[in-house]
Amino acid sequence: IGSNMASRVFEGRRGIKPSAKRPAVALDHALTFDVPGAGFAEPAFAAISSRTGSECHGVLYTISPLDWLRLCASEAVPVAYVPAFLTVECYDGRRVEAVSLQAAPGLPRRRGGTD
């Protein structure tokens, strides 16, 4: 599950072709912008963080193992991010085991990051 919902980026620029995609929510998680970015163009990057009582809405993509590796390479796993295994709830009520990306342990956090 992720916040990168723009098809032109996920499918176009990155070349990842999901076999399915559906809206979902990760309960007890929040979307944060505390991973240091690249200057004024992108001052912070998003990550998912465990936070009781919060909800992180996004898109649940079904992708191939090769596309998962491509995604990890484009997101600097394991330097900037590490996989986060969680259960998400699709908007139709189904619960699904999913993987997202959280900030890597020890990564300096951007001060003043927002949720």
Protein backbone atom coordinates (compact mmCIF):
# COMPACT_ATOMS: atom_id res chain seq x y z
CA ILE A 1 0.00 0.00 0.00
CA GLY A 2 1.38 3.40 -0.78
CA SER A 3 0.75 7.07 -1.22
CA ASN A 4 2.09 7.14 -4.77
CA MET A 5 -1.31 7.02 -6.42
CA ALA A 6 -0.49 8.87 -9.65
CA SER A 7 -0.58 6.29 -12.45
CA ARG A 8 1.67 8.44 -14.62
CA VAL A 9 4.42 8.13 -11.98
CA PHE A 10 3.90 4.59 -10.70
CA GLU A 11 3.20 3.02 -14.09
CA GLY A 12 4.66 5.59 -16.47
CA ARG A 13 7.93 6.86 -15.02
CA ARG A 14 8.74 3.78 -12.93
CA GLY A 15 7.46 1.23 -15.45
CA ILE A 16 5.59 -0.78 -12.79
CA LYS A 17 2.48 -2.51 -14.12
CA PRO A 18 0.10 -3.58 -11.33
CA SER A 19 -2.21 -6.50 -12.07
CA ALA A 20 -4.74 -4.96 -9.67
CA LYS A 21 -5.17 -1.77 -7.67
CA ARG A 22 -7.79 -0.80 -5.13
CA PRO A 23 -8.25 1.85 -2.45
CA ALA A 24 -7.44 0.72 1.07
CA VAL A 25 -6.63 1.99 4.53
CA ALA A 26 -3.88 0.95 6.93
CA LEU A 27 -5.39 1.21 10.40
CA ASP A 28 -3.17 2.42 13.24
CA HIS A 29 -0.72 3.91 10.74
CA ALA A 30 -0.10 7.48 9.55
CA LEU A 31 1.46 9.02 6.48
CA THR A 32 4.37 11.21 7.54
CA PHE A 33 6.71 13.51 5.62
CA ASP A 34 9.82 13.30 7.77
CA VAL A 35 12.30 11.54 5.46
CA PRO A 36 14.80 14.19 4.27
CA GLY A 37 14.33 15.13 0.64
CA ALA A 38 16.22 16.98 -2.04
CA GLY A 39 16.18 20.72 -1.41
CA PHE A 40 13.31 22.95 -2.46
CA ALA A 41 12.06 20.67 -5.25
CA GLU A 42 11.16 17.88 -2.80
CA PRO A 43 12.02 18.91 0.76
CA ALA A 44 10.66 15.70 2.31
CA PHE A 45 9.58 12.22 1.27
CA ALA A 46 6.61 10.29 2.59
CA ALA A 47 6.74 7.20 4.80
CA ILE A 48 4.21 5.13 6.69
CA SER A 49 4.56 5.09 10.47
CA SER A 50 2.81 3.08 13.16
CA ARG A 51 0.45 5.38 15.07
CA THR A 52 -2.40 4.05 17.20
CA GLY A 53 -5.75 5.53 16.26
CA SER A 54 -4.58 6.92 12.90
CA GLU A 55 -5.52 5.86 9.39
CA CYS A 56 -3.33 5.92 6.29
CA HIS A 57 -5.40 5.86 3.10
CA GLY A 58 -3.71 4.80 -0.10
CA VAL A 59 -3.71 2.40 -3.00
CA LEU A 60 -3.18 -1.34 -2.61
CA TYR A 61 -1.27 -2.51 -5.67
CA THR A 62 -0.76 -6.13 -6.70
CA ILE A 63 2.61 -6.28 -8.44
CA SER A 64 5.01 -8.98 -9.61
CA PRO A 65 8.16 -9.93 -7.67
CA LEU A 66 10.25 -8.24 -10.39
CA ASP A 67 8.23 -5.02 -10.06
CA TRP A 68 8.63 -5.21 -6.25
CA LEU A 69 12.42 -5.29 -6.74
CA ARG A 70 12.17 -2.38 -9.20
CA LEU A 71 10.09 -0.42 -6.67
CA CYS A 72 12.57 -1.14 -3.86
CA ALA A 73 15.47 0.01 -6.03
CA SER A 74 13.68 3.25 -6.95
CA GLU A 75 12.94 3.95 -3.26
CA ALA A 76 16.49 3.29 -1.97
CA VAL A 77 15.57 0.19 0.08
CA PRO A 78 17.25 -0.56 2.54
CA VAL A 79 19.14 2.75 2.86
CA ALA A 80 16.17 5.16 3.11
CA TYR A 81 13.27 2.73 3.61
CA VAL A 82 12.56 -0.81 4.83
CA PRO A 83 9.50 -2.98 4.19
CA ALA A 84 6.63 -2.67 6.66
CA PHE A 85 4.34 -5.70 6.80
CA LEU A 86 0.79 -4.85 7.81
CA THR A 87 -2.86 -5.70 7.41
CA VAL A 88 -4.93 -3.23 5.41
CA GLU A 89 -8.66 -2.90 4.95
CA CYS A 90 -9.93 -2.41 1.41
CA TYR A 91 -12.80 0.02 0.99
CA ASP A 92 -15.06 -2.99 0.26
CA GLY A 93 -14.32 -4.32 3.79
CA ARG A 94 -11.86 -7.10 2.89
CA ARG A 95 -8.71 -7.34 5.01
CA VAL A 96 -5.49 -8.10 3.14
CA GLU A 97 -1.87 -8.65 4.18
CA ALA A 98 0.24 -5.97 2.51
CA VAL A 99 3.70 -4.45 2.38
CA SER A 100 4.48 -0.75 2.50
CA LEU A 101 7.68 1.20 3.12
CA GLN A 102 8.70 2.86 6.37
CA ALA A 103 11.72 5.01 7.10
CA ALA A 104 14.84 2.94 7.71
CA PRO A 105 15.95 2.70 11.36
CA GLY A 106 18.69 5.19 12.11
CA LEU A 107 17.79 7.42 9.17
CA PRO A 108 18.06 11.07 10.17
CA ARG A 109 14.52 12.47 10.30
CA ARG A 110 13.54 15.76 8.77
CA ARG A 111 12.76 18.28 11.50
CA GLY A 112 9.29 19.71 11.29
CA GLY A 113 7.94 16.79 9.26
CA THR A 114 4.18 16.73 8.99
CA ASP A 115 1.49 14.09 8.85
